[in-house]
Amino acid sequence: MAIKDRGFASMDQQKRREIASKGGRAAHQKGTAHEWTSEEAREAGRKSSVRMGSRSREEVPGVAESVENKETEGQPQPWVP
């Protein structure tokens, strides 16, 4: 067995989503999950915009493809900084 055949990252995307979803539900049930307030979300978006500067989506590697995939697949994609 090669190293690339082991672990969470080697699983298909659907299986990873299922496992992560279980963890999220468990954290909410336990009461330890973080829930974003509108102010926290606004601040995170501002920080992201500042960090990216004036670059457009097309100039940031992976972002334009991620947005395009999200629109075509109908499922949220992780944001890649």
PDB file of N, CA and C in Angstrom:
ATOM      1  N   MET A   1       0.849  -1.187   0.000  1.00  0.00           N
ATOM      2  CA  MET A   1       0.000   0.000   0.000  1.00  0.00           C
ATOM      3  C   MET A   1       0.884   1.235   0.000  1.00  0.00           C
ATOM      4  N   ALA A   2       0.663   2.089  -0.964  1.00  0.00           N
ATOM      5  CA  ALA A   2       1.426   3.332  -1.047  1.00  0.00           C
ATOM      6  C   ALA A   2       0.832   4.366  -0.093  1.00  0.00           C
ATOM      7  N   ILE A   3       1.642   5.314   0.296  1.00  0.00           N
ATOM      8  CA  ILE A   3       1.184   6.375   1.198  1.00  0.00           C
ATOM      9  C   ILE A   3       0.007   7.126   0.601  1.00  0.00           C
ATOM     10  N   LYS A   4       0.016   7.324  -0.721  1.00  0.00           N
ATOM     11  CA  LYS A   4      -1.060   8.081  -1.359  1.00  0.00           C
ATOM     12  C   LYS A   4      -2.405   7.361  -1.276  1.00  0.00           C
ATOM     13  N   ASP A   5      -2.402   6.063  -0.955  1.00  0.00           N
ATOM     14  CA  ASP A   5      -3.633   5.288  -0.871  1.00  0.00           C
ATOM     15  C   ASP A   5      -4.239   5.281   0.526  1.00  0.00           C
ATOM     16  N   ARG A   6      -3.679   6.064   1.437  1.00  0.00           N
ATOM     17  CA  ARG A   6      -4.140   6.033   2.816  1.00  0.00           C
ATOM     18  C   ARG A   6      -4.721   7.372   3.233  1.00  0.00           C
ATOM     19  N   GLY A   7      -5.577   7.332   4.217  1.00  0.00           N
ATOM     20  CA  GLY A   7      -6.027   8.543   4.881  1.00  0.00           C
ATOM     21  C   GLY A   7      -7.219   9.240   4.262  1.00  0.00           C
ATOM     22  N   PHE A   8      -7.605  10.279   4.953  1.00  0.00           N
ATOM     23  CA  PHE A   8      -8.786  11.070   4.626  1.00  0.00           C
ATOM     24  C   PHE A   8      -8.693  11.698   3.238  1.00  0.00           C
ATOM     25  N   ALA A   9      -7.539  12.230   2.891  1.00  0.00           N
ATOM     26  CA  ALA A   9      -7.382  12.937   1.624  1.00  0.00           C
ATOM     27  C   ALA A   9      -7.484  12.005   0.416  1.00  0.00           C
ATOM     28  N   SER A  10      -7.244  10.718   0.600  1.00  0.00           N
ATOM     29  CA  SER A  10      -7.309   9.798  -0.527  1.00  0.00           C
ATOM     30  C   SER A  10      -8.733   9.327  -0.808  1.00  0.00           C
ATOM     31  N   MET A  11      -9.679   9.632   0.087  1.00  0.00           N
ATOM     32  CA  MET A  11     -11.072   9.224  -0.113  1.00  0.00           C
ATOM     33  C   MET A  11     -11.719  10.078  -1.199  1.00  0.00           C
ATOM     34  N   ASP A  12     -12.771   9.540  -1.794  1.00  0.00           N
ATOM     35  CA  ASP A  12     -13.487  10.339  -2.782  1.00  0.00           C
ATOM     36  C   ASP A  12     -14.225  11.475  -2.064  1.00  0.00           C
ATOM     37  N   GLN A  13     -14.535  12.507  -2.801  1.00  0.00           N
ATOM     38  CA  GLN A  13     -15.097  13.725  -2.216  1.00  0.00           C
ATOM     39  C   GLN A  13     -16.402  13.458  -1.477  1.00  0.00           C
ATOM     40  N   GLN A  14     -17.260  12.616  -1.998  1.00  0.00           N
ATOM     41  CA  GLN A  14     -18.545  12.333  -1.357  1.00  0.00           C
ATOM     42  C   GLN A  14     -18.334  11.700   0.018  1.00  0.00           C
ATOM     43  N   LYS A  15     -17.404  10.754   0.127  1.00  0.00           N
ATOM     44  CA  LYS A  15     -17.128  10.097   1.407  1.00  0.00           C
ATOM     45  C   LYS A  15     -16.576  11.097   2.422  1.00  0.00           C
ATOM     46  N   ARG A  16     -15.666  11.983   1.983  1.00  0.00           N
ATOM     47  CA  ARG A  16     -15.124  13.008   2.886  1.00  0.00           C
ATOM     48  C   ARG A  16     -16.232  13.920   3.378  1.00  0.00           C
ATOM     49  N   ARG A  17     -17.142  14.315   2.482  1.00  0.00           N
ATOM     50  CA  ARG A  17     -18.255  15.192   2.875  1.00  0.00           C
ATOM     51  C   ARG A  17     -19.145  14.512   3.916  1.00  0.00           C
ATOM     52  N   GLU A  18     -19.420  13.224   3.723  1.00  0.00           N
ATOM     53  CA  GLU A  18     -20.255  12.491   4.672  1.00  0.00           C
ATOM     54  C   GLU A  18     -19.618  12.473   6.063  1.00  0.00           C
ATOM     55  N   ILE A  19     -18.334  12.191   6.121  1.00  0.00           N
ATOM     56  CA  ILE A  19     -17.622  12.134   7.403  1.00  0.00           C
ATOM     57  C   ILE A  19     -17.587  13.511   8.061  1.00  0.00           C
ATOM     58  N   ALA A  20     -17.268  14.548   7.286  1.00  0.00           N
ATOM     59  CA  ALA A  20     -17.219  15.899   7.827  1.00  0.00           C
ATOM     60  C   ALA A  20     -18.590  16.346   8.312  1.00  0.00           C
ATOM     61  N   SER A  21     -19.615  15.961   7.591  1.00  0.00           N
ATOM     62  CA  SER A  21     -20.971  16.324   7.961  1.00  0.00           C
ATOM     63  C   SER A  21     -21.349  15.711   9.312  1.00  0.00           C
ATOM     64  N   LYS A  22     -20.947  14.470   9.525  1.00  0.00           N
ATOM     65  CA  LYS A  22     -21.220  13.814  10.810  1.00  0.00           C
ATOM     66  C   LYS A  22     -20.551  14.570  11.953  1.00  0.00           C
ATOM     67  N   GLY A  23     -19.316  15.018  11.723  1.00  0.00           N
ATOM     68  CA  GLY A  23     -18.610  15.782  12.756  1.00  0.00           C
ATOM     69  C   GLY A  23     -19.288  17.105  13.043  1.00  0.00           C
ATOM     70  N   GLY A  24     -19.754  17.761  12.001  1.00  0.00           N
ATOM     71  CA  GLY A  24     -20.454  19.030  12.189  1.00  0.00           C
ATOM     72  C   GLY A  24     -21.746  18.861  12.966  1.00  0.00           C
ATOM     73  N   ARG A  25     -22.513  17.833  12.614  1.00  0.00           N
ATOM     74  CA  ARG A  25     -23.764  17.579  13.335  1.00  0.00           C
ATOM     75  C   ARG A  25     -23.486  17.255  14.800  1.00  0.00           C
ATOM     76  N   ALA A  26     -22.449  16.449  15.046  1.00  0.00           N
ATOM     77  CA  ALA A  26     -22.110  16.077  16.421  1.00  0.00           C
ATOM     78  C   ALA A  26     -21.708  17.310  17.231  1.00  0.00           C
ATOM     79  N   ALA A  27     -20.929  18.205  16.630  1.00  0.00           N
ATOM     80  CA  ALA A  27     -20.498  19.412  17.339  1.00  0.00           C
ATOM     81  C   ALA A  27     -21.696  20.301  17.674  1.00  0.00           C
ATOM     82  N   HIS A  28     -22.640  20.425  16.755  1.00  0.00           N
ATOM     83  CA  HIS A  28     -23.831  21.231  17.031  1.00  0.00           C
ATOM     84  C   HIS A  28     -24.668  20.591  18.129  1.00  0.00           C
ATOM     85  N   GLN A  29     -24.791  19.273  18.078  1.00  0.00           N
ATOM     86  CA  GLN A  29     -25.565  18.566  19.087  1.00  0.00           C
ATOM     87  C   GLN A  29     -24.917  18.714  20.469  1.00  0.00           C
ATOM     88  N   LYS A  30     -23.603  18.684  20.493  1.00  0.00           N
ATOM     89  CA  LYS A  30     -22.858  18.820  21.746  1.00  0.00           C
ATOM     90  C   LYS A  30     -22.849  20.265  22.248  1.00  0.00           C
ATOM     91  N   GLY A  31     -23.050  21.206  21.335  1.00  0.00           N
ATOM     92  CA  GLY A  31     -23.072  22.612  21.710  1.00  0.00           C
ATOM     93  C   GLY A  31     -21.723  23.295  21.600  1.00  0.00           C
ATOM     94  N   THR A  32     -20.770  22.655  20.938  1.00  0.00           N
ATOM     95  CA  THR A  32     -19.431  23.238  20.821  1.00  0.00           C
ATOM     96  C   THR A  32     -19.151  23.808  19.430  1.00  0.00           C
ATOM     97  N   ALA A  33     -20.105  23.713  18.517  1.00  0.00           N
ATOM     98  CA  ALA A  33     -19.903  24.204  17.157  1.00  0.00           C
ATOM     99  C   ALA A  33     -19.962  25.728  17.134  1.00  0.00           C
ATOM    100  N   HIS A  34     -19.192  26.311  16.258  1.00  0.00           N
ATOM    101  CA  HIS A  34     -19.200  27.761  16.111  1.00  0.00           C
ATOM    102  C   HIS A  34     -20.286  28.163  15.135  1.00  0.00           C
ATOM    103  N   GLU A  35     -21.109  29.093  15.517  1.00  0.00           N
ATOM    104  CA  GLU A  35     -22.120  29.621  14.611  1.00  0.00           C
ATOM    105  C   GLU A  35     -21.784  31.081  14.360  1.00  0.00           C
ATOM    106  N   TRP A  36     -21.604  31.416  13.099  1.00  0.00           N
ATOM    107  CA  TRP A  36     -21.215  32.763  12.717  1.00  0.00           C
ATOM    108  C   TRP A  36     -22.351  33.752  12.933  1.00  0.00           C
ATOM    109  N   THR A  37     -22.021  34.876  13.550  1.00  0.00           N
ATOM    110  CA  THR A  37     -22.971  35.980  13.599  1.00  0.00           C
ATOM    111  C   THR A  37     -22.796  36.766  12.308  1.00  0.00           C
ATOM    112  N   SER A  38     -23.764  37.598  11.983  1.00  0.00           N
ATOM    113  CA  SER A  38     -23.640  38.379  10.750  1.00  0.00           C
ATOM    114  C   SER A  38     -22.435  39.314  10.832  1.00  0.00           C
ATOM    115  N   GLU A  39     -22.134  39.806  12.028  1.00  0.00           N
ATOM    116  CA  GLU A  39     -20.974  40.702  12.192  1.00  0.00           C
ATOM    117  C   GLU A  39     -19.661  39.940  11.949  1.00  0.00           C
ATOM    118  N   GLU A  40     -19.544  38.728  12.486  1.00  0.00           N
ATOM    119  CA  GLU A  40     -18.339  37.919  12.268  1.00  0.00           C
ATOM    120  C   GLU A  40     -18.163  37.590  10.783  1.00  0.00           C
ATOM    121  N   ALA A  41     -19.250  37.228  10.123  1.00  0.00           N
ATOM    122  CA  ALA A  41     -19.183  36.900   8.701  1.00  0.00           C
ATOM    123  C   ALA A  41     -18.780  38.128   7.887  1.00  0.00           C
ATOM    124  N   ARG A  42     -19.322  39.274   8.240  1.00  0.00           N
ATOM    125  CA  ARG A  42     -18.983  40.522   7.542  1.00  0.00           C
ATOM    126  C   ARG A  42     -17.491  40.825   7.696  1.00  0.00           C
ATOM    127  N   GLU A  43     -16.978  40.663   8.903  1.00  0.00           N
ATOM    128  CA  GLU A  43     -15.562  40.929   9.176  1.00  0.00           C
ATOM    129  C   GLU A  43     -14.661  39.950   8.415  1.00  0.00           C
ATOM    130  N   ALA A  44     -15.055  38.675   8.366  1.00  0.00           N
ATOM    131  CA  ALA A  44     -14.265  37.689   7.630  1.00  0.00           C
ATOM    132  C   ALA A  44     -14.240  38.024   6.141  1.00  0.00           C
ATOM    133  N   GLY A  45     -15.365  38.431   5.605  1.00  0.00           N
ATOM    134  CA  GLY A  45     -15.420  38.826   4.198  1.00  0.00           C
ATOM    135  C   GLY A  45     -14.559  40.042   3.922  1.00  0.00           C
ATOM    136  N   ARG A  46     -14.564  40.995   4.845  1.00  0.00           N
ATOM    137  CA  ARG A  46     -13.739  42.192   4.691  1.00  0.00           C
ATOM    138  C   ARG A  46     -12.265  41.814   4.699  1.00  0.00           C
ATOM    139  N   LYS A  47     -11.874  40.961   5.619  1.00  0.00           N
ATOM    140  CA  LYS A  47     -10.476  40.536   5.693  1.00  0.00           C
ATOM    141  C   LYS A  47     -10.061  39.799   4.421  1.00  0.00           C
ATOM    142  N   SER A  48     -10.943  38.988   3.890  1.00  0.00           N
ATOM    143  CA  SER A  48     -10.644  38.267   2.656  1.00  0.00           C
ATOM    144  C   SER A  48     -10.457  39.244   1.501  1.00  0.00           C
ATOM    145  N   SER A  49     -11.326  40.239   1.429  1.00  0.00           N
ATOM    146  CA  SER A  49     -11.228  41.233   0.359  1.00  0.00           C
ATOM    147  C   SER A  49      -9.935  42.022   0.464  1.00  0.00           C
ATOM    148  N   VAL A  50      -9.562  42.382   1.683  1.00  0.00           N
ATOM    149  CA  VAL A  50      -8.324  43.130   1.897  1.00  0.00           C
ATOM    150  C   VAL A  50      -7.135  42.267   1.511  1.00  0.00           C
ATOM    151  N   ARG A  51      -7.176  41.003   1.896  1.00  0.00           N
ATOM    152  CA  ARG A  51      -6.068  40.098   1.612  1.00  0.00           C
ATOM    153  C   ARG A  51      -5.897  39.871   0.114  1.00  0.00           C
ATOM    154  N   MET A  52      -7.001  39.783  -0.605  1.00  0.00           N
ATOM    155  CA  MET A  52      -6.934  39.564  -2.050  1.00  0.00           C
ATOM    156  C   MET A  52      -6.600  40.842  -2.791  1.00  0.00           C
ATOM    157  N   GLY A  53      -6.788  41.969  -2.144  1.00  0.00           N
ATOM    158  CA  GLY A  53      -6.505  43.240  -2.787  1.00  0.00           C
ATOM    159  C   GLY A  53      -7.489  43.521  -3.903  1.00  0.00           C
ATOM    160  N   SER A  54      -7.016  44.132  -4.966  1.00  0.00           N
ATOM    161  CA  SER A  54      -7.902  44.499  -6.058  1.00  0.00           C
ATOM    162  C   SER A  54      -7.923  43.453  -7.163  1.00  0.00           C
ATOM    163  N   ARG A  55      -7.317  42.292  -6.910  1.00  0.00           N
ATOM    164  CA  ARG A  55      -7.271  41.256  -7.943  1.00  0.00           C
ATOM    165  C   ARG A  55      -8.663  40.691  -8.201  1.00  0.00           C
ATOM    166  N   SER A  56      -8.944  40.399  -9.455  1.00  0.00           N
ATOM    167  CA  SER A  56     -10.225  39.810  -9.806  1.00  0.00           C
ATOM    168  C   SER A  56     -10.159  38.305  -9.629  1.00  0.00           C
ATOM    169  N   ARG A  57     -11.287  37.653  -9.730  1.00  0.00           N
ATOM    170  CA  ARG A  57     -11.333  36.199  -9.598  1.00  0.00           C
ATOM    171  C   ARG A  57     -10.437  35.513 -10.617  1.00  0.00           C
ATOM    172  N   GLU A  58     -10.381  36.070 -11.815  1.00  0.00           N
ATOM    173  CA  GLU A  58      -9.586  35.454 -12.870  1.00  0.00           C
ATOM    174  C   GLU A  58      -8.091  35.503 -12.561  1.00  0.00           C
ATOM    175  N   GLU A  59      -7.680  36.450 -11.732  1.00  0.00           N
ATOM    176  CA  GLU A  59      -6.256  36.592 -11.416  1.00  0.00           C
ATOM    177  C   GLU A  59      -5.812  35.712 -10.257  1.00  0.00           C
ATOM    178  N   VAL A  60      -6.760  35.180  -9.477  1.00  0.00           N
ATOM    179  CA  VAL A  60      -6.416  34.363  -8.322  1.00  0.00           C
ATOM    180  C   VAL A  60      -6.528  32.896  -8.719  1.00  0.00           C
ATOM    181  N   PRO A  61      -5.423  32.147  -8.656  1.00  0.00           N
ATOM    182  CA  PRO A  61      -5.445  30.748  -9.084  1.00  0.00           C
ATOM    183  C   PRO A  61      -6.486  29.931  -8.325  1.00  0.00           C
ATOM    184  N   GLY A  62      -7.325  29.202  -9.063  1.00  0.00           N
ATOM    185  CA  GLY A  62      -8.301  28.309  -8.460  1.00  0.00           C
ATOM    186  C   GLY A  62      -9.636  28.930  -8.129  1.00  0.00           C
ATOM    187  N   VAL A  63      -9.710  30.235  -7.948  1.00  0.00           N
ATOM    188  CA  VAL A  63     -10.965  30.851  -7.526  1.00  0.00           C
ATOM    189  C   VAL A  63     -11.979  30.861  -8.654  1.00  0.00           C
ATOM    190  N   ALA A  64     -11.580  31.262  -9.844  1.00  0.00           N
ATOM    191  CA  ALA A  64     -12.520  31.305 -10.970  1.00  0.00           C
ATOM    192  C   ALA A  64     -13.042  29.909 -11.275  1.00  0.00           C
ATOM    193  N   GLU A  65     -12.173  28.898 -11.235  1.00  0.00           N
ATOM    194  CA  GLU A  65     -12.604  27.532 -11.494  1.00  0.00           C
ATOM    195  C   GLU A  65     -13.556  27.062 -10.415  1.00  0.00           C
ATOM    196  N   SER A  66     -13.277  27.406  -9.158  1.00  0.00           N
ATOM    197  CA  SER A  66     -14.131  27.011  -8.055  1.00  0.00           C
ATOM    198  C   SER A  66     -15.517  27.627  -8.202  1.00  0.00           C
ATOM    199  N   VAL A  67     -15.573  28.891  -8.561  1.00  0.00           N
ATOM    200  CA  VAL A  67     -16.851  29.572  -8.737  1.00  0.00           C
ATOM    201  C   VAL A  67     -17.607  28.964  -9.908  1.00  0.00           C
ATOM    202  N   GLU A  68     -16.900  28.690 -10.989  1.00  0.00           N
ATOM    203  CA  GLU A  68     -17.530  28.087 -12.156  1.00  0.00           C
ATOM    204  C   GLU A  68     -18.081  26.707 -11.824  1.00  0.00           C
ATOM    205  N   ASN A  69     -17.310  25.898 -11.123  1.00  0.00           N
ATOM    206  CA  ASN A  69     -17.763  24.565 -10.733  1.00  0.00           C
ATOM    207  C   ASN A  69     -18.970  24.639  -9.809  1.00  0.00           C
ATOM    208  N   LYS A  70     -18.960  25.590  -8.894  1.00  0.00           N
ATOM    209  CA  LYS A  70     -20.061  25.737  -7.954  1.00  0.00           C
ATOM    210  C   LYS A  70     -21.352  26.030  -8.710  1.00  0.00           C
ATOM    211  N   GLU A  71     -21.267  26.889  -9.708  1.00  0.00           N
ATOM    212  CA  GLU A  71     -22.459  27.263 -10.465  1.00  0.00           C
ATOM    213  C   GLU A  71     -22.958  26.104 -11.323  1.00  0.00           C
ATOM    214  N   THR A  72     -22.052  25.299 -11.850  1.00  0.00           N
ATOM    215  CA  THR A  72     -22.462  24.216 -12.732  1.00  0.00           C
ATOM    216  C   THR A  72     -22.878  22.973 -11.962  1.00  0.00           C
ATOM    217  N   GLU A  73     -22.247  22.682 -10.842  1.00  0.00           N
ATOM    218  CA  GLU A  73     -22.573  21.478 -10.089  1.00  0.00           C
ATOM    219  C   GLU A  73     -23.726  21.688  -9.126  1.00  0.00           C
ATOM    220  N   GLY A  74     -23.928  22.899  -8.670  1.00  0.00           N
ATOM    221  CA  GLY A  74     -24.991  23.166  -7.719  1.00  0.00           C
ATOM    222  C   GLY A  74     -24.641  22.789  -6.295  1.00  0.00           C
ATOM    223  N   GLN A  75     -23.365  22.429  -6.032  1.00  0.00           N
ATOM    224  CA  GLN A  75     -22.935  22.101  -4.683  1.00  0.00           C
ATOM    225  C   GLN A  75     -21.825  23.045  -4.281  1.00  0.00           C
ATOM    226  N   PRO A  76     -21.805  23.468  -3.015  1.00  0.00           N
ATOM    227  CA  PRO A  76     -20.748  24.380  -2.578  1.00  0.00           C
ATOM    228  C   PRO A  76     -19.367  23.752  -2.670  1.00  0.00           C
ATOM    229  N   GLN A  77     -18.408  24.549  -3.071  1.00  0.00           N
ATOM    230  CA  GLN A  77     -17.019  24.107  -3.178  1.00  0.00           C
ATOM    231  C   GLN A  77     -16.200  24.857  -2.129  1.00  0.00           C
ATOM    232  N   PRO A  78     -15.156  24.221  -1.591  1.00  0.00           N
ATOM    233  CA  PRO A  78     -14.329  24.914  -0.608  1.00  0.00           C
ATOM    234  C   PRO A  78     -13.575  26.060  -1.244  1.00  0.00           C
ATOM    235  N   TRP A  79     -13.433  27.165  -0.524  1.00  0.00           N
ATOM    236  CA  TRP A  79     -12.675  28.305  -1.013  1.00  0.00           C
ATOM    237  C   TRP A  79     -11.206  28.029  -0.793  1.00  0.00           C
ATOM    238  N   VAL A  80     -10.399  28.225  -1.809  1.00  0.00           N
ATOM    239  CA  VAL A  80      -8.975  27.961  -1.734  1.00  0.00           C
ATOM    240  C   VAL A  80      -8.234  29.287  -1.729  1.00  0.00           C
ATOM    241  N   PRO A  81      -7.558  29.589  -0.618  1.00  0.00           N
ATOM    242  CA  PRO A  81      -6.859  30.883  -0.558  1.00  0.00           C
ATOM    243  C   PRO A  81      -5.662  30.945  -1.475  1.00  0.00           C
TER     244      PRO A  81
END
